[in-house]
Protein backbone atom coordinates (compact mmCIF):
# COMPACT_ATOMS: atom_id res chain seq x y z
CA MET A 1 -141.41 9.53 39.88
CA LYS A 2 -144.04 9.99 42.56
CA THR A 3 -141.85 7.99 44.97
CA SER A 4 -138.80 10.14 44.32
CA LEU A 5 -140.80 13.34 44.76
CA TYR A 6 -142.28 12.06 48.02
CA ILE A 7 -138.86 11.17 49.42
CA LEU A 8 -137.34 14.51 48.43
CA VAL A 9 -140.21 16.46 49.99
CA THR A 10 -139.96 14.33 53.13
CA ASN A 11 -136.20 15.04 53.30
CA LEU A 12 -136.83 18.77 53.25
CA PHE A 13 -139.68 18.49 55.75
CA ILE A 14 -137.53 16.59 58.24
CA LEU A 15 -134.62 19.00 57.86
CA ASN A 16 -136.97 21.86 58.67
CA ILE A 17 -138.09 20.04 61.84
CA VAL A 18 -134.50 19.28 62.85
CA GLN A 19 -133.46 22.91 62.42
CA ALA A 20 -136.35 24.14 64.56
CA GLN A 21 -135.92 21.72 67.48
CA ASP A 22 -133.06 20.50 69.65
CA SER A 23 -132.21 16.82 69.72
CA HIS A 24 -133.07 14.68 72.73
CA PHE A 25 -132.07 11.48 74.51
CA SER A 26 -134.32 8.80 75.98
CA GLN A 27 -131.88 8.29 78.87
CA PHE A 28 -132.01 11.97 79.73
CA ASP A 29 -130.69 11.58 83.29
CA ALA A 30 -127.45 10.05 81.96
CA ASN A 31 -126.71 13.29 80.11
CA PRO A 32 -127.26 16.06 82.70
CA PHE A 33 -125.77 18.85 80.55
CA TYR A 34 -128.61 18.46 78.06
CA ILE A 35 -131.19 18.84 80.84
CA ASN A 36 -130.00 21.58 83.19
CA PRO A 37 -126.71 23.50 83.58
CA ALA A 38 -127.32 23.59 87.36
CA LEU A 39 -126.71 19.81 87.44
CA THR A 40 -122.99 20.46 86.91
CA GLY A 41 -121.19 18.73 89.77
CA GLU A 42 -124.39 17.23 91.18
CA ARG A 43 -124.17 13.64 92.44
CA LEU A 44 -126.81 11.26 93.77
CA THR A 45 -124.32 8.60 94.88
CA ASP A 46 -121.26 8.53 97.16
CA TYR A 47 -118.99 8.99 94.13
CA LYS A 48 -118.74 12.77 94.24
CA GLY A 49 -115.43 13.35 92.45
CA ILE A 50 -114.77 14.01 88.79
CA GLN A 51 -117.36 12.42 86.50
CA PHE A 52 -117.30 11.43 82.83
CA ASN A 53 -120.48 10.75 80.86
CA ALA A 54 -121.11 9.67 77.30
CA SER A 55 -124.34 9.04 75.39
CA TYR A 56 -124.88 7.61 71.92
CA ARG A 57 -128.23 7.38 70.14
CA ASP A 58 -128.83 5.65 66.82
CA GLN A 59 -132.32 6.04 65.41
CA MET A 60 -133.11 4.22 62.21
CA SER A 61 -135.04 6.22 59.68
CA LYS A 62 -138.22 4.94 58.10
CA TYR A 63 -138.42 7.36 55.20
CA THR A 64 -135.29 5.93 53.60
CA LYS A 65 -134.03 2.36 53.43
CA PHE A 66 -130.70 3.33 54.97
CA PRO A 67 -130.21 2.41 58.65
CA SER A 68 -128.63 4.79 61.17
CA SER A 69 -129.93 7.93 59.48
CA TYR A 70 -130.10 9.76 62.83
CA LYS A 71 -127.15 9.74 65.23
CA ASN A 72 -126.61 11.75 68.40
CA VAL A 73 -123.41 11.77 70.46
CA ALA A 74 -122.72 13.70 73.67
CA VAL A 75 -119.60 13.48 75.84
CA GLY A 76 -118.97 15.50 78.99
CA VAL A 77 -116.88 15.83 82.14
CA ASP A 78 -117.47 17.84 85.30
CA GLU A 79 -116.11 18.24 88.82
CA SER A 80 -116.81 20.12 92.03
CA ILE A 81 -113.80 22.39 92.50
CA SER A 82 -114.96 23.88 95.81
CA PRO A 83 -117.94 23.56 98.20
CA LYS A 84 -119.78 26.15 96.10
CA PHE A 85 -118.44 25.91 92.54
CA SER A 86 -118.55 23.14 89.95
CA LEU A 87 -117.20 23.30 86.41
CA GLY A 88 -117.54 21.10 83.36
CA GLN A 89 -117.52 20.93 79.60
CA PHE A 90 -119.20 18.84 76.97
CA PHE A 91 -119.12 18.11 73.26
CA TYR A 92 -122.07 17.03 71.14
CA ASN A 93 -122.72 16.03 67.55
CA ASN A 94 -126.07 15.41 65.85
CA LYS A 95 -126.39 13.96 62.37
CA SER A 96 -129.60 13.49 60.45
CA ALA A 97 -130.88 12.52 57.02
CA THR A 98 -127.91 10.22 56.23
CA GLY A 99 -125.44 12.90 57.29
CA SER A 100 -126.81 15.70 55.12
CA PHE A 101 -127.56 17.86 58.17
CA ASN A 102 -124.97 18.12 60.92
CA THR A 103 -124.66 20.04 64.20
CA THR A 104 -121.50 20.06 66.32
CA GLY A 105 -121.08 22.06 69.51
CA PHE A 106 -118.79 22.63 72.48
CA MET A 107 -120.07 24.11 75.72
CA VAL A 108 -118.48 25.16 79.01
CA THR A 109 -120.82 24.69 81.96
CA GLY A 110 -120.72 25.80 85.59
CA ALA A 111 -122.90 25.73 88.70
CA TYR A 112 -122.94 27.74 91.93
CA LYS A 113 -124.48 26.36 95.13
CA LEU A 114 -126.70 28.79 97.01
CA ILE A 115 -127.11 26.14 99.72
CA ASP A 116 -124.01 24.08 100.43
CA GLN A 117 -122.37 22.39 103.44
CA THR A 118 -121.61 25.78 104.96
CA ALA A 119 -125.34 26.40 105.44
CA ASP A 120 -126.29 22.73 105.73
CA ALA A 121 -123.58 20.79 107.54
CA GLY A 122 -125.31 17.48 106.93
CA GLY A 123 -125.32 17.98 103.19
CA HIS A 124 -129.04 17.19 103.00
CA GLN A 125 -129.86 20.05 100.59
CA ASN A 126 -128.54 21.52 97.41
CA LEU A 127 -129.88 24.64 95.73
CA SER A 128 -127.85 25.48 92.63
CA VAL A 129 -127.93 27.80 89.66
CA GLY A 130 -126.04 26.98 86.49
CA LEU A 131 -124.88 28.58 83.26
CA GLN A 132 -123.67 27.15 79.95
CA MET A 133 -122.03 28.99 77.11
CA GLY A 134 -120.30 27.94 73.96
CA ALA A 135 -120.33 27.75 70.19
CA TYR A 136 -121.79 25.34 67.68
CA ASN A 137 -121.56 24.71 63.96
CA LYS A 138 -124.41 23.74 61.66
CA SER A 139 -123.91 22.51 58.13
CA ILE A 140 -126.04 21.15 55.32
CA SER A 141 -124.74 18.95 52.49
CA PRO A 142 -127.23 18.77 49.61
CA GLU A 143 -124.97 16.35 47.74
CA GLN A 144 -126.08 13.70 50.25
CA PHE A 145 -129.68 13.95 49.04
CA THR A 146 -131.18 11.80 46.32
CA TYR A 147 -133.02 13.45 43.40
CA ASP A 148 -135.51 12.35 40.78
CA ALA A 149 -132.78 12.21 38.12
CA GLN A 150 -131.14 9.41 40.11
CA TYR A 151 -134.24 7.22 40.15
CA SER A 152 -133.42 3.68 39.02
CA THR A 153 -135.47 0.48 39.08
CA ASN A 154 -132.22 -1.50 39.30
CA SER A 155 -131.34 -0.15 42.77
CA LEU A 156 -132.58 -1.68 46.00
CA ASP A 157 -134.03 1.58 47.30
CA GLY A 158 -134.97 2.97 43.89
CA PHE A 159 -132.03 5.42 43.54
CA ASP A 160 -128.61 5.06 41.93
CA ARG A 161 -126.29 7.62 43.54
CA THR A 162 -123.66 7.20 40.84
CA ILE A 163 -125.97 8.95 38.39
CA PRO A 164 -125.33 12.74 38.27
CA SER A 165 -128.22 14.59 39.91
CA GLY A 166 -127.94 17.66 37.69
CA GLU A 167 -128.44 19.90 40.75
CA THR A 168 -126.12 22.77 41.70
CA PHE A 169 -126.81 23.07 45.44
CA VAL A 170 -123.64 23.64 47.46
CA ARG A 171 -122.66 22.82 51.03
CA GLN A 172 -123.38 25.55 53.59
CA SER A 173 -122.03 26.01 57.10
CA TYR A 174 -122.14 28.60 59.89
CA TYR A 175 -121.10 29.12 63.54
CA ASN A 176 -123.16 30.61 66.36
CA PHE A 177 -122.87 31.39 70.07
CA ASN A 178 -125.41 30.01 72.53
CA LEU A 179 -126.29 30.45 76.20
CA ASN A 180 -128.31 28.27 78.62
CA PHE A 181 -129.41 28.76 82.24
CA GLY A 182 -130.93 26.57 84.95
CA ILE A 183 -131.85 26.21 88.61
CA TYR A 184 -131.96 22.95 90.62
CA TYR A 185 -132.97 21.84 94.13
CA ARG A 186 -132.43 18.58 95.98
CA VAL A 187 -133.35 17.49 99.52
CA THR A 188 -132.39 14.24 101.28
CA SER A 189 -134.03 12.80 104.36
CA LYS A 190 -131.94 12.59 107.54
CA ASN A 191 -131.77 8.80 107.29
CA LYS A 192 -130.61 9.22 103.66
CA LYS A 193 -133.19 6.72 102.43
CA ASN A 194 -135.20 9.18 100.34
CA THR A 195 -134.08 11.98 98.04
CA VAL A 196 -136.33 14.31 96.06
CA PHE A 197 -135.03 16.64 93.36
CA GLY A 198 -136.21 18.91 90.57
CA GLY A 199 -135.21 21.80 88.37
CA LEU A 200 -136.01 24.31 85.65
CA SER A 201 -133.85 25.32 82.71
CA LEU A 202 -133.96 27.55 79.66
CA PHE A 203 -131.91 26.82 76.53
CA ASN A 204 -131.06 28.92 73.45
CA ILE A 205 -131.29 32.19 75.39
CA THR A 206 -129.37 34.07 72.69
CA GLN A 207 -131.82 32.71 70.07
CA PRO A 208 -129.21 32.31 67.33
CA SER A 209 -130.31 32.16 63.74
CA LYS A 210 -131.04 28.71 62.32
CA SER A 211 -131.39 29.80 58.69
CA PHE A 212 -129.07 28.85 55.83
CA SER A 213 -130.54 31.54 53.55
CA GLY A 214 -128.80 34.44 55.31
CA GLU A 215 -132.05 35.81 56.68
CA TYR A 216 -132.44 35.81 60.47
CA SER A 217 -134.67 33.04 61.78
CA ALA A 218 -134.39 32.51 65.53
CA LEU A 219 -133.79 29.10 67.07
CA PRO A 220 -136.73 28.78 69.49
CA LEU A 221 -136.22 28.79 73.25
CA ARG A 222 -136.35 25.38 74.88
CA PHE A 223 -137.89 25.11 78.36
CA ASN A 224 -137.17 22.05 80.53
CA LEU A 225 -138.90 20.96 83.73
CA HIS A 226 -137.53 17.84 85.39
CA ALA A 227 -138.12 16.08 88.70
CA GLY A 228 -137.53 12.75 90.38
CA ALA A 229 -136.71 10.84 93.53
CA VAL A 230 -134.40 8.12 94.81
CA CYS A 231 -136.00 5.76 97.31
CA ILE A 232 -134.09 3.00 99.11
CA VAL A 233 -136.69 0.28 99.58
CA THR A 234 -134.44 -2.43 101.04
CA LYS A 235 -130.70 -3.03 101.35
CA GLN A 236 -130.79 -4.58 97.90
CA LEU A 237 -133.49 -2.59 96.12
CA SER A 238 -133.77 1.11 95.27
CA VAL A 239 -136.06 2.83 92.78
CA MET A 240 -135.77 6.09 90.88
CA PRO A 241 -138.94 7.57 89.35
CA GLN A 242 -138.31 10.50 86.99
CA ILE A 243 -140.16 12.91 84.74
CA LEU A 244 -139.02 15.35 82.06
CA TYR A 245 -141.18 17.92 80.29
CA MET A 246 -139.75 19.89 77.36
CA ASN A 247 -141.34 22.68 75.34
CA GLN A 248 -139.86 24.28 72.24
CA ALA A 249 -141.91 26.41 69.88
CA LYS A 250 -145.06 24.35 69.25
CA ALA A 251 -143.41 21.05 70.14
CA THR A 252 -143.78 19.43 73.56
CA GLU A 253 -142.40 16.25 75.04
CA LEU A 254 -143.26 14.42 78.25
CA ASN A 255 -141.05 11.52 79.35
CA ALA A 256 -142.00 9.67 82.55
CA GLY A 257 -140.65 6.42 83.91
CA MET A 258 -138.76 4.54 86.58
CA LEU A 259 -135.41 2.87 87.06
CA MET A 260 -134.91 -0.03 89.47
CA PHE A 261 -131.50 -0.89 90.97
CA TYR A 262 -131.05 -4.31 92.60
CA LYS A 263 -127.80 -5.10 94.40
CA ILE A 264 -126.71 -8.73 94.12
CA ASP A 265 -125.95 -10.17 97.57
CA GLY A 266 -122.26 -10.47 98.36
CA THR A 267 -121.18 -8.36 95.37
CA LEU A 268 -120.91 -4.73 94.30
CA TYR A 269 -122.94 -5.31 91.13
CA GLU A 270 -126.35 -3.70 90.67
CA PRO A 271 -128.41 -4.67 87.61
CA ILE A 272 -130.64 -1.88 86.34
CA TYR A 273 -134.12 -2.29 84.89
CA GLY A 274 -136.13 0.59 83.49
CA LEU A 275 -139.36 1.42 81.73
CA SER A 276 -140.57 4.83 80.59
CA VAL A 277 -143.11 6.37 78.25
CA ARG A 278 -142.68 9.35 75.97
CA ASN A 279 -146.19 10.76 75.71
CA LYS A 280 -147.93 9.95 72.39
CA ASP A 281 -144.61 8.83 70.96
CA ALA A 282 -142.75 5.80 72.35
CA ILE A 283 -142.29 3.14 75.01
CA ILE A 284 -138.69 2.88 76.23
CA PHE A 285 -137.16 -0.26 77.72
CA GLN A 286 -133.85 -0.06 79.61
CA LEU A 287 -131.28 -2.52 80.91
CA GLY A 288 -127.99 -1.76 82.58
CA LEU A 289 -125.44 -2.45 85.26
CA ARG A 290 -123.89 -0.34 88.00
CA TYR A 291 -120.58 -1.27 89.61
CA GLN A 292 -119.32 1.21 92.18
CA GLY A 293 -118.88 4.46 90.21
CA ILE A 294 -119.47 2.94 86.76
CA THR A 295 -122.97 2.85 85.27
CA PHE A 296 -123.76 1.43 81.83
CA ARG A 297 -127.24 1.39 80.30
CA ALA A 298 -128.83 0.44 77.00
CA SER A 299 -132.32 1.39 75.93
CA TYR A 300 -134.64 0.58 73.07
CA ASP A 301 -137.44 2.83 71.81
CA ILE A 302 -140.58 1.40 70.27
CA ILE A 303 -142.46 4.14 68.44
CA THR A 304 -146.17 3.98 69.23
CA ASN A 305 -147.39 6.93 67.16
CA PRO A 306 -148.26 5.71 63.61
CA THR A 307 -148.43 9.27 62.27
CA LYS A 308 -144.68 9.76 62.71
CA VAL A 309 -143.72 7.97 59.54
CA TYR A 310 -140.23 9.49 59.48
CA ARG A 311 -139.25 7.85 62.77
CA ASN A 312 -138.61 4.26 63.75
CA LYS A 313 -136.99 2.23 66.49
CA GLY A 314 -134.21 3.91 68.49
CA LEU A 315 -131.23 2.29 70.18
CA GLU A 316 -129.32 4.23 72.82
CA PHE A 317 -126.28 3.61 75.06
CA SER A 318 -124.92 5.60 77.99
CA LEU A 319 -121.85 5.35 80.21
CA VAL A 320 -121.23 7.28 83.43
CA TYR A 321 -117.92 6.95 85.27
CA ALA A 322 -117.58 8.79 88.58
CA LEU A 323 -114.61 8.82 90.93
CA LYS A 324 -114.46 9.13 94.68
CA LYS A 325 -113.98 12.69 95.87
CA LYS A 326 -110.41 13.42 96.89
CA ASP A 327 -109.71 14.38 100.49
CA ARG A 328 -109.03 18.12 100.41
CA LEU A 329 -107.96 18.41 104.05
CA PRO A 330 -104.37 19.59 104.69
CA LYS A 331 -102.02 16.68 105.25
CA ARG A 332 -101.10 17.77 108.79
CA LYS A 333 -104.77 17.67 109.85
CA ALA A 334 -105.38 14.31 108.26
CA ALA A 335 -102.28 12.90 109.94
CA SER A 336 -103.23 14.17 113.39
CA ALA A 337 -106.84 12.95 113.22
CA PRO A 338 -107.80 9.57 114.69
CA SER A 339 -107.97 6.78 112.13
CA SER A 340 -111.68 6.29 112.72
CA ALA A 341 -112.36 9.94 111.89
CA VAL A 342 -110.31 9.78 108.72
CA GLY A 343 -112.31 6.76 107.61
CA GLN A 344 -115.51 8.74 107.85
CA LEU A 345 -114.40 11.66 105.62
């Protein structure tokens, strides 16, 4: 009986935490829409056309004996439609506590360049502001919980879900509108060997209600500060140090680490190795591969904080697929230009 009470209380405690804080990804740079709306259309490689990105996180829960209790999915697409404007959209879904708490959202995101190639012909700088807006749905399904009436010594985890719980809680669901804003700056050296970037963003500006009781309870603002650099060390090796700081209500998170890209001689393949630390929380190991505009990474979180009993190891995958930017010059100009000039566009 004490075990069942502990698990039920822990369920409710975790749901309260989930409602009060946004979800996060360890590979935060692979999911730019979750970091800063001003990153819409931003590219750090030569593949500056339309880009697709997808992230999947599966975090096994320690407070139940069921794996995959926490799942996060985010899928997005964006493109630069003019020298100044970029547009995109993304879908996300977060499930927790064996599916009893669910959040699904759809956002439209856009960015406007205050400094573009008109002001900087070499394209060495980018100062952008971005805006996201959209709707999301939150739902809670109490029938997914386990209760003391279902306690059974014959079950592996101590609960038989075929036994009626005797509870009358019903499923609840609501929709809300949300708004996010960000600013971002990047500068590249003239020899294009070093790039430094950083940005600020504010999420949940509308502060929608997160309560299922009908009483207004604001979703706290989330503040993001991110920065990094891309340094080409040799023809084969480049490194990318990064840092992300997030603050929401009384919760803070600091994620710092580095990715290393090594191009295999005579090929277009670049293995990726990464290591980062989430302050007082986890060590994150990453492996991946980049081939032209396709980047795939996998990461594994090892929780280092023993007080976080409701969290365990996390496995995460990301895929980014970027296309070459289409030549927007009129056909007559492209045809009349020397072949060498066309090759440089």
